[in-house]
Amino acid sequence: MGISETKLPNGMRVYYLREAEVPVLYEQVQEYLRYGIELNPGDTLFDVGANIGLFSLWAYERCQRNLQIYAFEPIPEVFEALKLNAQRLAPVTMKAFSFGLAQERKSVVFDYYPNATALSTAYPEGNQTRATVEQAIKTALANPDPREPFDIWLLRLFPSFIRSLLINYKLDELFQAKPVYCKMHRLSDVIRDHSVQQIDLLKIDVERSELDVLMGIEPQDWCKIKQITIEVHDHSQRVDRVCELLKSHGFSKITIKQDPLLQGSDIFNLYAIR
């Protein structure tokens, strides 16, 4: 899969691996700054699970190109696009790291989905994830939106039985996985190695590895983190566990929301402010 270029709605040109993901991710990343979460010029952002860097770059423009960014992407092919975007669009203030964050320094085997890079994960649960994506597609079909991807609009043109066949074919294509070895570090290691004094926003979207990221923060570093926005997969009451952990480290305002397209799934967005 080669790296190509496209233009975002805000006029910015970015490098990508899979064009169909770009508009979906561009809409998604704007959901990270909600429920009191904000970024201002001069702030520091940790973008964990950066993919090609769309959230970092959107936030960079929003903050008048005055944002210190640490972006982490462990999948080597995806990291190459992230690196190119960082080098061209924010070469001074955006640092791109070719590793993920976890509770210890190690190598991990990921299930990498070249046709759905944002779903790549160290904790593959293929059937469950596939069911979630299928339900999201059906929900989108039932609720027309002018911002929806062209593929969803196109599916409506077919009768229901053909539509079902097309959805299954597409899901088979999306979830073709290949194993990839990825490097993992601890968040506190990065804080120490780069002398980070404050993280104004820690954004985590890592497909079931969110608790691993949080467990890599040493007690003395928690006070440096002012806000957190995180996608949580509520397996084994993980939402409650994450909330308890954040409250124990001084986050007093926590908001939990679920995207309407994901109703009935185990995926929630959590917004926390110290």
C-alpha atoms as a PDB file:
ATOM      1  CA  MET A   1       0.000   0.000   0.000  1.00  0.00           C
ATOM      2  CA  GLY A   2       1.511   3.313  -1.066  1.00  0.00           C
ATOM      3  CA  ILE A   3       1.320   6.738   0.554  1.00  0.00           C
ATOM      4  CA  SER A   4      -0.702   9.365  -1.313  1.00  0.00           C
ATOM      5  CA  GLU A   5      -1.988  12.894  -0.712  1.00  0.00           C
ATOM      6  CA  THR A   6      -5.441  14.377  -0.285  1.00  0.00           C
ATOM      7  CA  LYS A   7      -6.993  17.672   0.828  1.00  0.00           C
ATOM      8  CA  LEU A   8      -8.953  18.029   4.087  1.00  0.00           C
ATOM      9  CA  PRO A   9     -12.095  20.196   4.379  1.00  0.00           C
ATOM     10  CA  ASN A  10      -9.983  22.887   6.086  1.00  0.00           C
ATOM     11  CA  GLY A  11      -7.737  23.075   3.001  1.00  0.00           C
ATOM     12  CA  MET A  12      -4.774  21.266   4.536  1.00  0.00           C
ATOM     13  CA  ARG A  13      -3.112  18.604   2.383  1.00  0.00           C
ATOM     14  CA  VAL A  14      -2.140  15.413   4.181  1.00  0.00           C
ATOM     15  CA  TYR A  15      -0.488  12.102   3.426  1.00  0.00           C
ATOM     16  CA  TYR A  16      -2.550   8.955   3.914  1.00  0.00           C
ATOM     17  CA  LEU A  17      -2.516   5.185   3.372  1.00  0.00           C
ATOM     18  CA  ARG A  18      -6.212   4.540   2.780  1.00  0.00           C
ATOM     19  CA  GLU A  19      -8.264   7.379   1.312  1.00  0.00           C
ATOM     20  CA  ALA A  20     -11.657   6.121   2.515  1.00  0.00           C
ATOM     21  CA  GLU A  21     -10.517   6.446   6.143  1.00  0.00           C
ATOM     22  CA  VAL A  22      -9.560  10.104   5.897  1.00  0.00           C
ATOM     23  CA  PRO A  23     -13.028  11.779   5.973  1.00  0.00           C
ATOM     24  CA  VAL A  24     -14.230   9.389   8.687  1.00  0.00           C
ATOM     25  CA  LEU A  25     -11.208  10.057  10.894  1.00  0.00           C
ATOM     26  CA  TYR A  26     -11.373  13.801  10.219  1.00  0.00           C
ATOM     27  CA  GLU A  27     -14.927  13.926  11.589  1.00  0.00           C
ATOM     28  CA  GLN A  28     -14.025  11.663  14.513  1.00  0.00           C
ATOM     29  CA  VAL A  29     -11.021  13.651  15.752  1.00  0.00           C
ATOM     30  CA  GLN A  30     -13.109  16.762  16.292  1.00  0.00           C
ATOM     31  CA  GLU A  31     -15.049  14.849  18.966  1.00  0.00           C
ATOM     32  CA  TYR A  32     -11.982  14.831  21.249  1.00  0.00           C
ATOM     33  CA  LEU A  33     -12.470  18.494  22.224  1.00  0.00           C
ATOM     34  CA  ARG A  34     -15.860  18.366  23.925  1.00  0.00           C
ATOM     35  CA  TYR A  35     -17.420  18.576  27.403  1.00  0.00           C
ATOM     36  CA  GLY A  36     -14.982  21.166  28.684  1.00  0.00           C
ATOM     37  CA  ILE A  37     -11.863  19.705  27.042  1.00  0.00           C
ATOM     38  CA  GLU A  38      -9.947  22.464  25.280  1.00  0.00           C
ATOM     39  CA  LEU A  39      -6.572  23.304  23.768  1.00  0.00           C
ATOM     40  CA  ASN A  40      -5.057  26.760  23.548  1.00  0.00           C
ATOM     41  CA  PRO A  41      -2.020  28.226  21.779  1.00  0.00           C
ATOM     42  CA  GLY A  42       1.173  27.255  23.572  1.00  0.00           C
ATOM     43  CA  ASP A  43      -0.274  24.034  25.037  1.00  0.00           C
ATOM     44  CA  THR A  44       1.272  20.560  24.933  1.00  0.00           C
ATOM     45  CA  LEU A  45      -0.652  17.639  23.390  1.00  0.00           C
ATOM     46  CA  PHE A  46       0.145  13.936  23.711  1.00  0.00           C
ATOM     47  CA  ASP A  47      -1.613  12.136  20.832  1.00  0.00           C
ATOM     48  CA  VAL A  48      -1.498   8.422  21.683  1.00  0.00           C
ATOM     49  CA  GLY A  49      -2.758   6.295  18.816  1.00  0.00           C
ATOM     50  CA  ALA A  50      -2.129   9.097  16.341  1.00  0.00           C
ATOM     51  CA  ASN A  51      -2.610   7.078  13.140  1.00  0.00           C
ATOM     52  CA  ILE A  52      -1.624   9.497  10.327  1.00  0.00           C
ATOM     53  CA  GLY A  53      -1.884  12.483  12.698  1.00  0.00           C
ATOM     54  CA  LEU A  54      -5.236  14.024  11.774  1.00  0.00           C
ATOM     55  CA  PHE A  55      -6.125  15.044  15.335  1.00  0.00           C
ATOM     56  CA  SER A  56      -2.682  16.539  15.950  1.00  0.00           C
ATOM     57  CA  LEU A  57      -2.805  18.515  12.713  1.00  0.00           C
ATOM     58  CA  TRP A  58      -6.399  19.673  13.202  1.00  0.00           C
ATOM     59  CA  ALA A  59      -5.555  20.816  16.738  1.00  0.00           C
ATOM     60  CA  TYR A  60      -2.355  22.476  15.468  1.00  0.00           C
ATOM     61  CA  GLU A  61      -4.350  24.612  13.041  1.00  0.00           C
ATOM     62  CA  ARG A  62      -6.988  25.342  15.692  1.00  0.00           C
ATOM     63  CA  CYS A  63      -4.255  26.602  18.043  1.00  0.00           C
ATOM     64  CA  GLN A  64      -2.847  28.975  15.411  1.00  0.00           C
ATOM     65  CA  ARG A  65       0.064  26.640  14.688  1.00  0.00           C
ATOM     66  CA  ASN A  66       1.345  27.124  18.236  1.00  0.00           C
ATOM     67  CA  LEU A  67       1.064  23.680  19.817  1.00  0.00           C
ATOM     68  CA  GLN A  68       3.746  21.338  21.128  1.00  0.00           C
ATOM     69  CA  ILE A  69       2.785  17.842  19.913  1.00  0.00           C
ATOM     70  CA  TYR A  70       4.032  14.377  20.846  1.00  0.00           C
ATOM     71  CA  ALA A  71       2.381  11.861  18.486  1.00  0.00           C
ATOM     72  CA  PHE A  72       2.694   8.081  18.914  1.00  0.00           C
ATOM     73  CA  GLU A  73       1.961   5.435  16.261  1.00  0.00           C
ATOM     74  CA  PRO A  74       3.363   1.881  16.596  1.00  0.00           C
ATOM     75  CA  ILE A  75       2.335   0.413  13.202  1.00  0.00           C
ATOM     76  CA  PRO A  76       5.388   0.977  10.927  1.00  0.00           C
ATOM     77  CA  GLU A  77       3.450   1.577   7.679  1.00  0.00           C
ATOM     78  CA  VAL A  78       1.071   4.046   9.333  1.00  0.00           C
ATOM     79  CA  PHE A  79       3.950   5.778  11.113  1.00  0.00           C
ATOM     80  CA  GLU A  80       5.560   6.601   7.756  1.00  0.00           C
ATOM     81  CA  ALA A  81       2.510   8.687   6.780  1.00  0.00           C
ATOM     82  CA  LEU A  82       2.446  10.300  10.242  1.00  0.00           C
ATOM     83  CA  LYS A  83       6.136  11.193   9.943  1.00  0.00           C
ATOM     84  CA  LEU A  84       5.635  12.785   6.521  1.00  0.00           C
ATOM     85  CA  ASN A  85       2.695  14.842   7.796  1.00  0.00           C
ATOM     86  CA  ALA A  86       4.691  15.991  10.828  1.00  0.00           C
ATOM     87  CA  GLN A  87       7.754  16.896   8.770  1.00  0.00           C
ATOM     88  CA  ARG A  88       5.808  18.963   6.238  1.00  0.00           C
ATOM     89  CA  LEU A  89       3.090  20.577   8.327  1.00  0.00           C
ATOM     90  CA  ALA A  90       4.601  21.023  11.801  1.00  0.00           C
ATOM     91  CA  PRO A  91       8.329  20.271  11.545  1.00  0.00           C
ATOM     92  CA  VAL A  92       9.367  22.310  14.597  1.00  0.00           C
ATOM     93  CA  THR A  93       6.658  21.611  17.164  1.00  0.00           C
ATOM     94  CA  MET A  94       5.456  18.082  16.292  1.00  0.00           C
ATOM     95  CA  LYS A  95       7.503  15.074  17.365  1.00  0.00           C
ATOM     96  CA  ALA A  96       6.422  11.728  15.860  1.00  0.00           C
ATOM     97  CA  PHE A  97       7.381   8.498  17.645  1.00  0.00           C
ATOM     98  CA  SER A  98       7.421   5.072  15.981  1.00  0.00           C
ATOM     99  CA  PHE A  99       6.239   3.241  19.082  1.00  0.00           C
ATOM    100  CA  GLY A 100       3.113   2.877  21.172  1.00  0.00           C
ATOM    101  CA  LEU A 101       2.651   3.413  24.904  1.00  0.00           C
ATOM    102  CA  ALA A 102       2.088   0.633  27.432  1.00  0.00           C
ATOM    103  CA  GLN A 103       2.761  -0.300  31.057  1.00  0.00           C
ATOM    104  CA  GLU A 104       6.280  -1.500  30.263  1.00  0.00           C
ATOM    105  CA  ARG A 105       8.885  -1.313  27.517  1.00  0.00           C
ATOM    106  CA  LYS A 106       8.424  -4.349  25.255  1.00  0.00           C
ATOM    107  CA  SER A 107       7.582  -5.615  21.765  1.00  0.00           C
ATOM    108  CA  VAL A 108       3.987  -6.543  20.992  1.00  0.00           C
ATOM    109  CA  VAL A 109       2.373  -8.346  18.071  1.00  0.00           C
ATOM    110  CA  PHE A 110      -0.457  -6.259  16.591  1.00  0.00           C
ATOM    111  CA  ASP A 111      -3.186  -7.361  14.234  1.00  0.00           C
ATOM    112  CA  TYR A 112      -2.661  -4.775  11.491  1.00  0.00           C
ATOM    113  CA  TYR A 113      -5.585  -4.165   9.134  1.00  0.00           C
ATOM    114  CA  PRO A 114      -4.187  -2.478   5.986  1.00  0.00           C
ATOM    115  CA  ASN A 115      -7.740  -1.751   4.787  1.00  0.00           C
ATOM    116  CA  ALA A 116      -8.856  -0.352   8.155  1.00  0.00           C
ATOM    117  CA  THR A 117      -5.682   0.957   9.744  1.00  0.00           C
ATOM    118  CA  ALA A 118      -7.461   2.747  12.601  1.00  0.00           C
ATOM    119  CA  LEU A 119      -8.825  -0.585  13.901  1.00  0.00           C
ATOM    120  CA  SER A 120      -5.392  -2.225  14.220  1.00  0.00           C
ATOM    121  CA  THR A 121      -4.943  -3.604  17.718  1.00  0.00           C
ATOM    122  CA  ALA A 122      -2.784  -5.548  20.145  1.00  0.00           C
ATOM    123  CA  TYR A 123      -5.969  -7.152  21.510  1.00  0.00           C
ATOM    124  CA  PRO A 124      -7.766  -8.630  18.486  1.00  0.00           C
ATOM    125  CA  GLU A 125     -11.367  -9.615  19.032  1.00  0.00           C
ATOM    126  CA  GLY A 126     -12.281  -9.884  15.384  1.00  0.00           C
ATOM    127  CA  ASN A 127     -15.868 -11.052  15.652  1.00  0.00           C
ATOM    128  CA  GLN A 128     -16.802  -8.432  18.217  1.00  0.00           C
ATOM    129  CA  THR A 129     -15.119  -5.586  16.343  1.00  0.00           C
ATOM    130  CA  ARG A 130     -16.640  -6.728  13.068  1.00  0.00           C
ATOM    131  CA  ALA A 131     -20.108  -6.796  14.656  1.00  0.00           C
ATOM    132  CA  THR A 132     -19.580  -3.268  15.992  1.00  0.00           C
ATOM    133  CA  VAL A 133     -18.564  -1.944  12.567  1.00  0.00           C
ATOM    134  CA  GLU A 134     -21.484  -3.732  10.899  1.00  0.00           C
ATOM    135  CA  GLN A 135     -23.945  -2.224  13.377  1.00  0.00           C
ATOM    136  CA  ALA A 136     -22.416   1.242  12.851  1.00  0.00           C
ATOM    137  CA  ILE A 137     -22.893   0.890   9.093  1.00  0.00           C
ATOM    138  CA  LYS A 138     -26.524  -0.149   9.522  1.00  0.00           C
ATOM    139  CA  THR A 139     -27.162   2.732  11.931  1.00  0.00           C
ATOM    140  CA  ALA A 140     -25.618   5.176   9.451  1.00  0.00           C
ATOM    141  CA  LEU A 141     -27.802   3.788   6.661  1.00  0.00           C
ATOM    142  CA  ALA A 142     -30.892   4.359   8.785  1.00  0.00           C
ATOM    143  CA  ASN A 143     -29.903   7.928   9.672  1.00  0.00           C
ATOM    144  CA  PRO A 144     -28.855   9.948   6.616  1.00  0.00           C
ATOM    145  CA  ASP A 145     -26.238  12.621   7.299  1.00  0.00           C
ATOM    146  CA  PRO A 146     -24.860  15.103   4.727  1.00  0.00           C
ATOM    147  CA  ARG A 147     -21.363  14.495   6.177  1.00  0.00           C
ATOM    148  CA  GLU A 148     -21.513  10.722   5.741  1.00  0.00           C
ATOM    149  CA  PRO A 149     -18.915   8.874   3.621  1.00  0.00           C
ATOM    150  CA  PHE A 150     -19.740   8.352  -0.041  1.00  0.00           C
ATOM    151  CA  ASP A 151     -19.744   4.551   0.495  1.00  0.00           C
ATOM    152  CA  ILE A 152     -22.741   4.824   2.852  1.00  0.00           C
ATOM    153  CA  TRP A 153     -24.679   6.979   0.375  1.00  0.00           C
ATOM    154  CA  LEU A 154     -23.883   4.497  -2.395  1.00  0.00           C
ATOM    155  CA  LEU A 155     -25.147   1.510  -0.383  1.00  0.00           C
ATOM    156  CA  ARG A 156     -28.625   3.076  -0.164  1.00  0.00           C
ATOM    157  CA  LEU A 157     -28.992   2.746  -3.927  1.00  0.00           C
ATOM    158  CA  PHE A 158     -29.148  -1.047  -3.710  1.00  0.00           C
ATOM    159  CA  PRO A 159     -32.036  -3.287  -2.565  1.00  0.00           C
ATOM    160  CA  SER A 160     -31.632  -4.667   0.962  1.00  0.00           C
ATOM    161  CA  PHE A 161     -30.510  -8.200   0.021  1.00  0.00           C
ATOM    162  CA  ILE A 162     -27.756  -6.878  -2.276  1.00  0.00           C
ATOM    163  CA  ARG A 163     -26.833  -4.300   0.359  1.00  0.00           C
ATOM    164  CA  SER A 164     -26.272  -7.097   2.897  1.00  0.00           C
ATOM    165  CA  LEU A 165     -24.011  -8.959   0.483  1.00  0.00           C
ATOM    166  CA  LEU A 166     -22.010  -5.808  -0.182  1.00  0.00           C
ATOM    167  CA  ILE A 167     -21.621  -5.075   3.528  1.00  0.00           C
ATOM    168  CA  ASN A 168     -20.350  -8.603   4.226  1.00  0.00           C
ATOM    169  CA  TYR A 169     -17.938  -8.380   1.301  1.00  0.00           C
ATOM    170  CA  LYS A 170     -16.650  -5.035   2.578  1.00  0.00           C
ATOM    171  CA  LEU A 171     -16.224  -6.349   6.121  1.00  0.00           C
ATOM    172  CA  ASP A 172     -14.281  -9.357   4.832  1.00  0.00           C
ATOM    173  CA  GLU A 173     -11.983  -6.903   3.050  1.00  0.00           C
ATOM    174  CA  LEU A 174     -11.576  -4.587   6.035  1.00  0.00           C
ATOM    175  CA  PHE A 175     -10.687  -7.316   8.496  1.00  0.00           C
ATOM    176  CA  GLN A 176      -7.925  -8.987   6.541  1.00  0.00           C
ATOM    177  CA  ALA A 177      -5.206  -8.868   9.198  1.00  0.00           C
ATOM    178  CA  LYS A 178      -1.483  -9.387   9.173  1.00  0.00           C
ATOM    179  CA  PRO A 179       0.744  -9.662  12.278  1.00  0.00           C
ATOM    180  CA  VAL A 180       3.165  -6.789  12.861  1.00  0.00           C
ATOM    181  CA  TYR A 181       5.753  -6.473  15.630  1.00  0.00           C
ATOM    182  CA  CYS A 182       5.562  -3.073  17.328  1.00  0.00           C
ATOM    183  CA  LYS A 183       7.682  -1.355  19.960  1.00  0.00           C
ATOM    184  CA  MET A 184       6.085  -0.092  23.163  1.00  0.00           C
ATOM    185  CA  HIS A 185       7.438   2.381  25.759  1.00  0.00           C
ATOM    186  CA  ARG A 186       6.007   3.869  28.945  1.00  0.00           C
ATOM    187  CA  LEU A 187       4.458   7.328  28.976  1.00  0.00           C
ATOM    188  CA  SER A 188       6.584   8.258  31.996  1.00  0.00           C
ATOM    189  CA  ASP A 189       9.723   7.316  30.041  1.00  0.00           C
ATOM    190  CA  VAL A 190       8.783   9.876  27.385  1.00  0.00           C
ATOM    191  CA  ILE A 191       8.066  12.510  30.030  1.00  0.00           C
ATOM    192  CA  ARG A 192      11.505  11.928  31.559  1.00  0.00           C
ATOM    193  CA  ASP A 193      13.466  11.593  28.306  1.00  0.00           C
ATOM    194  CA  HIS A 194      12.030  14.823  26.865  1.00  0.00           C
ATOM    195  CA  SER A 195      11.802  16.809  30.115  1.00  0.00           C
ATOM    196  CA  VAL A 196       8.057  17.334  29.711  1.00  0.00           C
ATOM    197  CA  GLN A 197       6.771  19.597  32.478  1.00  0.00           C
ATOM    198  CA  GLN A 198       3.060  19.614  31.619  1.00  0.00           C
ATOM    199  CA  ILE A 199       0.631  17.764  29.348  1.00  0.00           C
ATOM    200  CA  ASP A 200      -2.375  19.976  28.708  1.00  0.00           C
ATOM    201  CA  LEU A 201      -4.234  17.175  26.910  1.00  0.00           C
ATOM    202  CA  LEU A 202      -3.548  13.452  26.860  1.00  0.00           C
ATOM    203  CA  LYS A 203      -5.607  11.934  24.042  1.00  0.00           C
ATOM    204  CA  ILE A 204      -5.745   8.115  23.953  1.00  0.00           C
ATOM    205  CA  ASP A 205      -7.392   6.072  21.185  1.00  0.00           C
ATOM    206  CA  VAL A 206      -5.623   2.719  21.077  1.00  0.00           C
ATOM    207  CA  GLU A 207      -8.200  -0.010  20.422  1.00  0.00           C
ATOM    208  CA  ARG A 208      -8.411  -1.822  23.797  1.00  0.00           C
ATOM    209  CA  SER A 209      -4.933  -0.861  25.039  1.00  0.00           C
ATOM    210  CA  GLU A 210      -6.111   2.254  26.893  1.00  0.00           C
ATOM    211  CA  LEU A 211      -5.582   0.830  30.387  1.00  0.00           C
ATOM    212  CA  ASP A 212      -2.062  -0.262  29.402  1.00  0.00           C
ATOM    213  CA  VAL A 213      -1.240   3.347  28.504  1.00  0.00           C
ATOM    214  CA  LEU A 214      -2.510   4.663  31.842  1.00  0.00           C
ATOM    215  CA  MET A 215      -0.625   1.997  33.804  1.00  0.00           C
ATOM    216  CA  GLY A 216       2.602   3.318  32.273  1.00  0.00           C
ATOM    217  CA  ILE A 217       2.268   6.611  34.179  1.00  0.00           C
ATOM    218  CA  GLU A 218       4.319   6.813  37.385  1.00  0.00           C
ATOM    219  CA  PRO A 219       2.665   8.410  40.459  1.00  0.00           C
ATOM    220  CA  GLN A 220       4.801  11.574  40.327  1.00  0.00           C
ATOM    221  CA  ASP A 221       3.806  12.235  36.697  1.00  0.00           C
ATOM    222  CA  TRP A 222       0.018  12.203  37.070  1.00  0.00           C
ATOM    223  CA  CYS A 223      -0.063  15.790  38.352  1.00  0.00           C
ATOM    224  CA  LYS A 224       1.509  16.972  35.079  1.00  0.00           C
ATOM    225  CA  ILE A 225      -1.565  15.850  33.094  1.00  0.00           C
ATOM    226  CA  LYS A 226      -4.352  18.448  33.059  1.00  0.00           C
ATOM    227  CA  GLN A 227      -6.971  16.874  30.753  1.00  0.00           C
ATOM    228  CA  ILE A 228      -7.609  13.450  29.255  1.00  0.00           C
ATOM    229  CA  THR A 229      -9.858  12.349  26.408  1.00  0.00           C
ATOM    230  CA  ILE A 230      -9.908   8.618  25.872  1.00  0.00           C
ATOM    231  CA  GLU A 231     -11.789   5.955  23.933  1.00  0.00           C
ATOM    232  CA  VAL A 232     -12.588   3.123  26.337  1.00  0.00           C
ATOM    233  CA  HIS A 233     -13.709  -0.381  25.426  1.00  0.00           C
ATOM    234  CA  ASP A 234     -15.904  -1.430  28.344  1.00  0.00           C
ATOM    235  CA  HIS A 235     -14.619  -4.990  28.679  1.00  0.00           C
ATOM    236  CA  SER A 236     -14.558  -6.337  32.266  1.00  0.00           C
ATOM    237  CA  GLN A 237     -16.025  -3.039  33.552  1.00  0.00           C
ATOM    238  CA  ARG A 238     -13.100  -1.069  32.146  1.00  0.00           C
ATOM    239  CA  VAL A 239     -15.020   2.220  32.092  1.00  0.00           C
ATOM    240  CA  ASP A 240     -15.492   1.983  35.866  1.00  0.00           C
ATOM    241  CA  ARG A 241     -11.859   0.997  36.369  1.00  0.00           C
ATOM    242  CA  VAL A 242     -10.586   3.915  34.298  1.00  0.00           C
ATOM    243  CA  CYS A 243     -12.890   6.352  36.124  1.00  0.00           C
ATOM    244  CA  GLU A 244     -11.689   5.113  39.520  1.00  0.00           C
ATOM    245  CA  LEU A 245      -8.056   5.441  38.432  1.00  0.00           C
ATOM    246  CA  LEU A 246      -8.544   8.988  37.174  1.00  0.00           C
ATOM    247  CA  LYS A 247     -10.441  10.069  40.283  1.00  0.00           C
ATOM    248  CA  SER A 248      -7.654   8.680  42.471  1.00  0.00           C
ATOM    249  CA  HIS A 249      -5.241  10.981  40.634  1.00  0.00           C
ATOM    250  CA  GLY A 250      -7.261  14.159  40.987  1.00  0.00           C
ATOM    251  CA  PHE A 251      -9.579  14.233  37.973  1.00  0.00           C
ATOM    252  CA  SER A 252     -12.813  15.574  39.458  1.00  0.00           C
ATOM    253  CA  LYS A 253     -14.904  16.230  36.345  1.00  0.00           C
ATOM    254  CA  ILE A 254     -15.439  13.077  34.254  1.00  0.00           C
ATOM    255  CA  THR A 255     -17.969  12.815  31.421  1.00  0.00           C
ATOM    256  CA  ILE A 256     -18.829   9.523  29.658  1.00  0.00           C
ATOM    257  CA  LYS A 257     -20.553   9.564  26.275  1.00  0.00           C
ATOM    258  CA  GLN A 258     -21.275   7.123  23.466  1.00  0.00           C
ATOM    259  CA  ASP A 259     -21.435   7.963  19.772  1.00  0.00           C
ATOM    260  CA  PRO A 260     -24.987   7.370  18.465  1.00  0.00           C
ATOM    261  CA  LEU A 261     -23.523   5.170  15.709  1.00  0.00           C
ATOM    262  CA  LEU A 262     -22.006   2.921  18.400  1.00  0.00           C
ATOM    263  CA  GLN A 263     -25.049   2.512  20.645  1.00  0.00           C
ATOM    264  CA  GLY A 264     -25.208  -1.049  21.949  1.00  0.00           C
ATOM    265  CA  SER A 265     -21.451  -1.554  21.570  1.00  0.00           C
ATOM    266  CA  ASP A 266     -18.826  -1.529  24.317  1.00  0.00           C
ATOM    267  CA  ILE A 267     -17.105   1.629  23.000  1.00  0.00           C
ATOM    268  CA  PHE A 268     -17.368   4.868  24.999  1.00  0.00           C
ATOM    269  CA  ASN A 269     -15.632   8.244  24.998  1.00  0.00           C
ATOM    270  CA  LEU A 270     -14.424   9.538  28.333  1.00  0.00           C
ATOM    271  CA  TYR A 271     -13.528  13.183  28.990  1.00  0.00           C
ATOM    272  CA  ALA A 272     -11.667  14.051  32.222  1.00  0.00           C
ATOM    273  CA  ILE A 273     -10.549  17.412  33.638  1.00  0.00           C
ATOM    274  CA  ARG A 274      -8.391  17.951  36.691  1.00  0.00           C
END
